[in-house]
Amino acid sequence: MGWTTAFRTFFIIYCVEAGVFLLLSPWSPRWDEAIVQISNLGLRELLFDPAVRGAISGFGLVHLLWGAHDLDLWLASRKRAAVDRLSADLSIDAEG
C-alpha cells in the first residue's frame, strides 16, 4: 500500500469518526454533563443553545459527506485503473 492509499484511507476513517462524533455528541447526556462544568456562564449558555448544537451536528454531517465523497472518488479511480489494465491486457493478447 502506497502513501497515497494510506493517506486516503486514514482521511476517510477520520472523516467518518469525526462526523459521527460531531453529529451525535451535542445531543447526548454526556454533552450536558460536560457543559455544566464550564464556569463561564455565557459560554455555557451558548453551548446549551439548540442552534449551536445543530451547527456542530451540521459540521459533523459535512465531515460525513466529505468522507463519502472521497471514498467514492477513490473507488471510482480504482475501478478506472482496473478497466485500463484489463483493456491493456486485452490489446496485448489481440496483437500477440
N, C-alpha and C. Protein backbone atom coordinates (compact mmCIF):
# COMPACT_ATOMS: atom_id res chain seq x y z
N MET A 1 0.86 -1.18 0.00
CA MET A 1 0.00 0.00 0.00
C MET A 1 0.90 1.23 0.00
N GLY A 2 0.66 2.13 -0.95
CA GLY A 2 1.46 3.35 -1.07
C GLY A 2 1.00 4.40 -0.08
N TRP A 3 1.79 5.48 -0.02
CA TRP A 3 1.47 6.57 0.90
C TRP A 3 0.15 7.24 0.55
N THR A 4 -0.13 7.36 -0.74
CA THR A 4 -1.38 7.99 -1.16
C THR A 4 -2.57 7.17 -0.70
N THR A 5 -2.49 5.87 -0.86
CA THR A 5 -3.58 4.99 -0.42
C THR A 5 -3.73 5.03 1.09
N ALA A 6 -2.62 5.01 1.81
CA ALA A 6 -2.68 5.07 3.27
C ALA A 6 -3.28 6.40 3.73
N PHE A 7 -2.84 7.49 3.11
CA PHE A 7 -3.37 8.80 3.49
C PHE A 7 -4.87 8.87 3.23
N ARG A 8 -5.30 8.40 2.06
CA ARG A 8 -6.73 8.42 1.74
C ARG A 8 -7.52 7.58 2.72
N THR A 9 -7.00 6.40 3.05
CA THR A 9 -7.68 5.52 3.99
C THR A 9 -7.84 6.20 5.34
N PHE A 10 -6.76 6.74 5.86
CA PHE A 10 -6.82 7.41 7.16
C PHE A 10 -7.71 8.64 7.13
N PHE A 11 -7.69 9.37 6.02
CA PHE A 11 -8.53 10.55 5.91
C PHE A 11 -10.01 10.17 5.92
N ILE A 12 -10.37 9.11 5.21
CA ILE A 12 -11.75 8.66 5.18
C ILE A 12 -12.18 8.18 6.57
N ILE A 13 -11.31 7.44 7.25
CA ILE A 13 -11.62 6.99 8.61
C ILE A 13 -11.81 8.19 9.53
N TYR A 14 -10.91 9.19 9.41
CA TYR A 14 -11.04 10.40 10.23
C TYR A 14 -12.38 11.09 9.97
N CYS A 15 -12.74 11.25 8.70
CA CYS A 15 -13.99 11.94 8.37
C CYS A 15 -15.20 11.22 8.95
N VAL A 16 -15.19 9.90 8.88
CA VAL A 16 -16.32 9.14 9.43
C VAL A 16 -16.37 9.26 10.95
N GLU A 17 -15.24 9.08 11.60
CA GLU A 17 -15.22 9.16 13.07
C GLU A 17 -15.57 10.55 13.57
N ALA A 18 -14.94 11.57 13.00
CA ALA A 18 -15.24 12.94 13.42
C ALA A 18 -16.67 13.30 13.09
N GLY A 19 -17.15 12.86 11.94
CA GLY A 19 -18.52 13.15 11.54
C GLY A 19 -19.54 12.56 12.49
N VAL A 20 -19.37 11.29 12.84
CA VAL A 20 -20.31 10.65 13.76
C VAL A 20 -20.24 11.32 15.13
N PHE A 21 -19.02 11.61 15.60
CA PHE A 21 -18.87 12.26 16.90
C PHE A 21 -19.55 13.62 16.93
N LEU A 22 -19.25 14.44 15.93
CA LEU A 22 -19.82 15.79 15.90
C LEU A 22 -21.32 15.78 15.64
N LEU A 23 -21.79 14.81 14.92
CA LEU A 23 -23.22 14.71 14.63
C LEU A 23 -24.02 14.33 15.87
N LEU A 24 -23.50 13.40 16.66
CA LEU A 24 -24.28 12.85 17.77
C LEU A 24 -23.97 13.44 19.14
N SER A 25 -22.74 13.83 19.38
CA SER A 25 -22.36 14.23 20.74
C SER A 25 -23.10 15.45 21.30
N PRO A 26 -23.45 16.47 20.50
CA PRO A 26 -24.15 17.61 21.11
C PRO A 26 -25.52 17.26 21.68
N TRP A 27 -26.06 16.12 21.31
CA TRP A 27 -27.40 15.74 21.76
C TRP A 27 -27.35 14.64 22.82
N SER A 28 -26.15 14.27 23.27
CA SER A 28 -26.02 13.20 24.26
C SER A 28 -26.04 13.77 25.68
N PRO A 29 -26.40 12.94 26.64
CA PRO A 29 -26.35 13.38 28.04
C PRO A 29 -24.95 13.76 28.50
N ARG A 30 -23.93 13.15 27.93
CA ARG A 30 -22.55 13.50 28.29
C ARG A 30 -22.23 14.94 27.94
N TRP A 31 -22.81 15.44 26.85
CA TRP A 31 -22.62 16.83 26.46
C TRP A 31 -23.11 17.74 27.58
N ASP A 32 -24.31 17.47 28.06
CA ASP A 32 -24.88 18.28 29.13
C ASP A 32 -24.02 18.23 30.38
N GLU A 33 -23.52 17.02 30.71
CA GLU A 33 -22.66 16.87 31.89
C GLU A 33 -21.38 17.68 31.74
N ALA A 34 -20.81 17.68 30.56
CA ALA A 34 -19.56 18.41 30.33
C ALA A 34 -19.81 19.92 30.34
N ILE A 35 -20.92 20.36 29.76
CA ILE A 35 -21.21 21.79 29.67
C ILE A 35 -21.50 22.38 31.05
N VAL A 36 -22.14 21.62 31.90
CA VAL A 36 -22.46 22.11 33.25
C VAL A 36 -21.18 22.47 34.01
N GLN A 37 -20.08 21.82 33.70
CA GLN A 37 -18.83 22.05 34.41
C GLN A 37 -18.09 23.31 33.95
N ILE A 38 -18.53 23.94 32.89
CA ILE A 38 -17.88 25.16 32.40
C ILE A 38 -18.26 26.32 33.31
N SER A 39 -17.27 27.05 33.79
CA SER A 39 -17.53 28.12 34.75
C SER A 39 -18.02 29.41 34.08
N ASN A 40 -17.70 29.62 32.83
CA ASN A 40 -18.13 30.82 32.11
C ASN A 40 -19.61 30.67 31.74
N LEU A 41 -20.47 31.47 32.36
CA LEU A 41 -21.92 31.33 32.15
C LEU A 41 -22.33 31.64 30.72
N GLY A 42 -21.70 32.61 30.08
CA GLY A 42 -22.03 32.96 28.71
C GLY A 42 -21.72 31.81 27.75
N LEU A 43 -20.55 31.21 27.93
CA LEU A 43 -20.16 30.07 27.09
C LEU A 43 -21.07 28.88 27.35
N ARG A 44 -21.39 28.65 28.62
CA ARG A 44 -22.27 27.54 28.97
C ARG A 44 -23.64 27.72 28.31
N GLU A 45 -24.18 28.92 28.39
CA GLU A 45 -25.48 29.20 27.78
C GLU A 45 -25.42 29.02 26.26
N LEU A 46 -24.34 29.47 25.66
CA LEU A 46 -24.16 29.34 24.22
C LEU A 46 -24.14 27.87 23.80
N LEU A 47 -23.40 27.04 24.54
CA LEU A 47 -23.27 25.63 24.17
C LEU A 47 -24.53 24.82 24.47
N PHE A 48 -25.43 25.35 25.31
CA PHE A 48 -26.72 24.69 25.52
C PHE A 48 -27.74 25.09 24.47
N ASP A 49 -27.46 26.13 23.70
CA ASP A 49 -28.39 26.62 22.69
C ASP A 49 -28.58 25.57 21.59
N PRO A 50 -29.84 25.22 21.28
CA PRO A 50 -30.08 24.21 20.23
C PRO A 50 -29.51 24.60 18.86
N ALA A 51 -29.46 25.89 18.56
CA ALA A 51 -28.91 26.31 17.26
C ALA A 51 -27.41 26.01 17.19
N VAL A 52 -26.69 26.20 18.27
CA VAL A 52 -25.26 25.90 18.30
C VAL A 52 -25.06 24.39 18.21
N ARG A 53 -25.89 23.65 18.95
CA ARG A 53 -25.79 22.19 18.86
C ARG A 53 -26.07 21.73 17.43
N GLY A 54 -27.04 22.33 16.79
CA GLY A 54 -27.35 21.99 15.40
C GLY A 54 -26.22 22.34 14.45
N ALA A 55 -25.56 23.47 14.71
CA ALA A 55 -24.42 23.86 13.87
C ALA A 55 -23.27 22.86 14.01
N ILE A 56 -23.03 22.41 15.22
CA ILE A 56 -21.98 21.41 15.45
C ILE A 56 -22.36 20.09 14.76
N SER A 57 -23.62 19.71 14.87
CA SER A 57 -24.08 18.50 14.18
C SER A 57 -23.98 18.67 12.66
N GLY A 58 -24.29 19.85 12.17
CA GLY A 58 -24.15 20.12 10.74
C GLY A 58 -22.71 20.00 10.27
N PHE A 59 -21.79 20.45 11.10
CA PHE A 59 -20.37 20.31 10.79
C PHE A 59 -19.99 18.83 10.72
N GLY A 60 -20.58 18.02 11.61
CA GLY A 60 -20.37 16.58 11.56
C GLY A 60 -20.91 15.97 10.29
N LEU A 61 -22.07 16.45 9.85
CA LEU A 61 -22.65 15.97 8.60
C LEU A 61 -21.77 16.32 7.41
N VAL A 62 -21.16 17.50 7.45
CA VAL A 62 -20.22 17.89 6.39
C VAL A 62 -19.05 16.92 6.36
N HIS A 63 -18.54 16.54 7.51
CA HIS A 63 -17.43 15.57 7.57
C HIS A 63 -17.86 14.23 6.97
N LEU A 64 -19.06 13.77 7.30
CA LEU A 64 -19.53 12.50 6.76
C LEU A 64 -19.67 12.56 5.24
N LEU A 65 -20.23 13.65 4.74
CA LEU A 65 -20.38 13.79 3.29
C LEU A 65 -19.03 13.88 2.59
N TRP A 66 -18.10 14.59 3.20
CA TRP A 66 -16.76 14.72 2.63
C TRP A 66 -16.08 13.35 2.57
N GLY A 67 -16.19 12.59 3.65
CA GLY A 67 -15.61 11.25 3.67
C GLY A 67 -16.25 10.35 2.62
N ALA A 68 -17.58 10.41 2.49
CA ALA A 68 -18.27 9.60 1.50
C ALA A 68 -17.86 10.01 0.08
N HIS A 69 -17.72 11.30 -0.16
CA HIS A 69 -17.28 11.79 -1.47
C HIS A 69 -15.88 11.31 -1.79
N ASP A 70 -14.97 11.40 -0.83
CA ASP A 70 -13.60 10.97 -1.05
C ASP A 70 -13.55 9.46 -1.29
N LEU A 71 -14.35 8.70 -0.55
CA LEU A 71 -14.41 7.26 -0.75
C LEU A 71 -14.92 6.94 -2.15
N ASP A 72 -15.94 7.65 -2.59
CA ASP A 72 -16.50 7.44 -3.93
C ASP A 72 -15.44 7.73 -5.00
N LEU A 73 -14.72 8.83 -4.85
CA LEU A 73 -13.66 9.17 -5.82
C LEU A 73 -12.57 8.11 -5.84
N TRP A 74 -12.20 7.64 -4.67
CA TRP A 74 -11.14 6.64 -4.56
C TRP A 74 -11.57 5.33 -5.23
N LEU A 75 -12.79 4.88 -4.95
CA LEU A 75 -13.28 3.64 -5.55
C LEU A 75 -13.42 3.78 -7.07
N ALA A 76 -13.88 4.93 -7.53
CA ALA A 76 -14.01 5.15 -8.97
C ALA A 76 -12.65 5.14 -9.66
N SER A 77 -11.64 5.72 -9.02
CA SER A 77 -10.31 5.74 -9.63
C SER A 77 -9.72 4.33 -9.66
N ARG A 78 -9.98 3.54 -8.63
CA ARG A 78 -9.51 2.15 -8.62
C ARG A 78 -10.19 1.34 -9.71
N LYS A 79 -11.50 1.58 -9.89
CA LYS A 79 -12.25 0.86 -10.92
C LYS A 79 -11.73 1.25 -12.31
N ARG A 80 -11.49 2.56 -12.51
CA ARG A 80 -10.96 3.04 -13.78
C ARG A 80 -9.59 2.42 -14.08
N ALA A 81 -8.76 2.32 -13.05
CA ALA A 81 -7.42 1.73 -13.22
C ALA A 81 -7.54 0.25 -13.57
N ALA A 82 -8.48 -0.45 -12.96
CA ALA A 82 -8.66 -1.87 -13.26
C ALA A 82 -9.15 -2.05 -14.70
N VAL A 83 -10.06 -1.20 -15.14
CA VAL A 83 -10.55 -1.28 -16.52
C VAL A 83 -9.42 -0.97 -17.50
N ASP A 84 -8.61 0.01 -17.19
CA ASP A 84 -7.47 0.35 -18.06
C ASP A 84 -6.49 -0.82 -18.15
N ARG A 85 -6.21 -1.46 -17.01
CA ARG A 85 -5.31 -2.62 -17.02
C ARG A 85 -5.89 -3.75 -17.86
N LEU A 86 -7.18 -3.99 -17.71
CA LEU A 86 -7.84 -5.05 -18.47
C LEU A 86 -7.81 -4.73 -19.97
N SER A 87 -8.06 -3.49 -20.32
CA SER A 87 -8.01 -3.08 -21.73
C SER A 87 -6.61 -3.26 -22.30
N ALA A 88 -5.61 -2.91 -21.53
CA ALA A 88 -4.23 -3.06 -21.97
C ALA A 88 -3.90 -4.54 -22.16
N ASP A 89 -4.33 -5.38 -21.23
CA ASP A 89 -4.08 -6.82 -21.33
C ASP A 89 -4.77 -7.39 -22.56
N LEU A 90 -6.01 -6.98 -22.81
CA LEU A 90 -6.74 -7.49 -23.97
C LEU A 90 -6.11 -7.04 -25.29
N SER A 91 -5.61 -5.82 -25.34
CA SER A 91 -4.98 -5.34 -26.57
C SER A 91 -3.67 -6.04 -26.82
N ILE A 92 -2.94 -6.39 -25.76
CA ILE A 92 -1.69 -7.15 -25.92
C ILE A 92 -2.01 -8.55 -26.44
N ASP A 93 -3.07 -9.19 -25.90
CA ASP A 93 -3.46 -10.52 -26.35
C ASP A 93 -3.92 -10.51 -27.80
N ALA A 94 -4.62 -9.44 -28.22
CA ALA A 94 -5.10 -9.35 -29.59
C ALA A 94 -3.96 -9.18 -30.58
N GLU A 95 -2.91 -8.49 -30.15
CA GLU A 95 -1.76 -8.27 -31.04
C GLU A 95 -0.91 -9.53 -31.14
N GLY A 96 -0.87 -10.29 -30.05
CA GLY A 96 0.03 -11.44 -30.00
C GLY A 96 -0.55 -12.62 -30.58
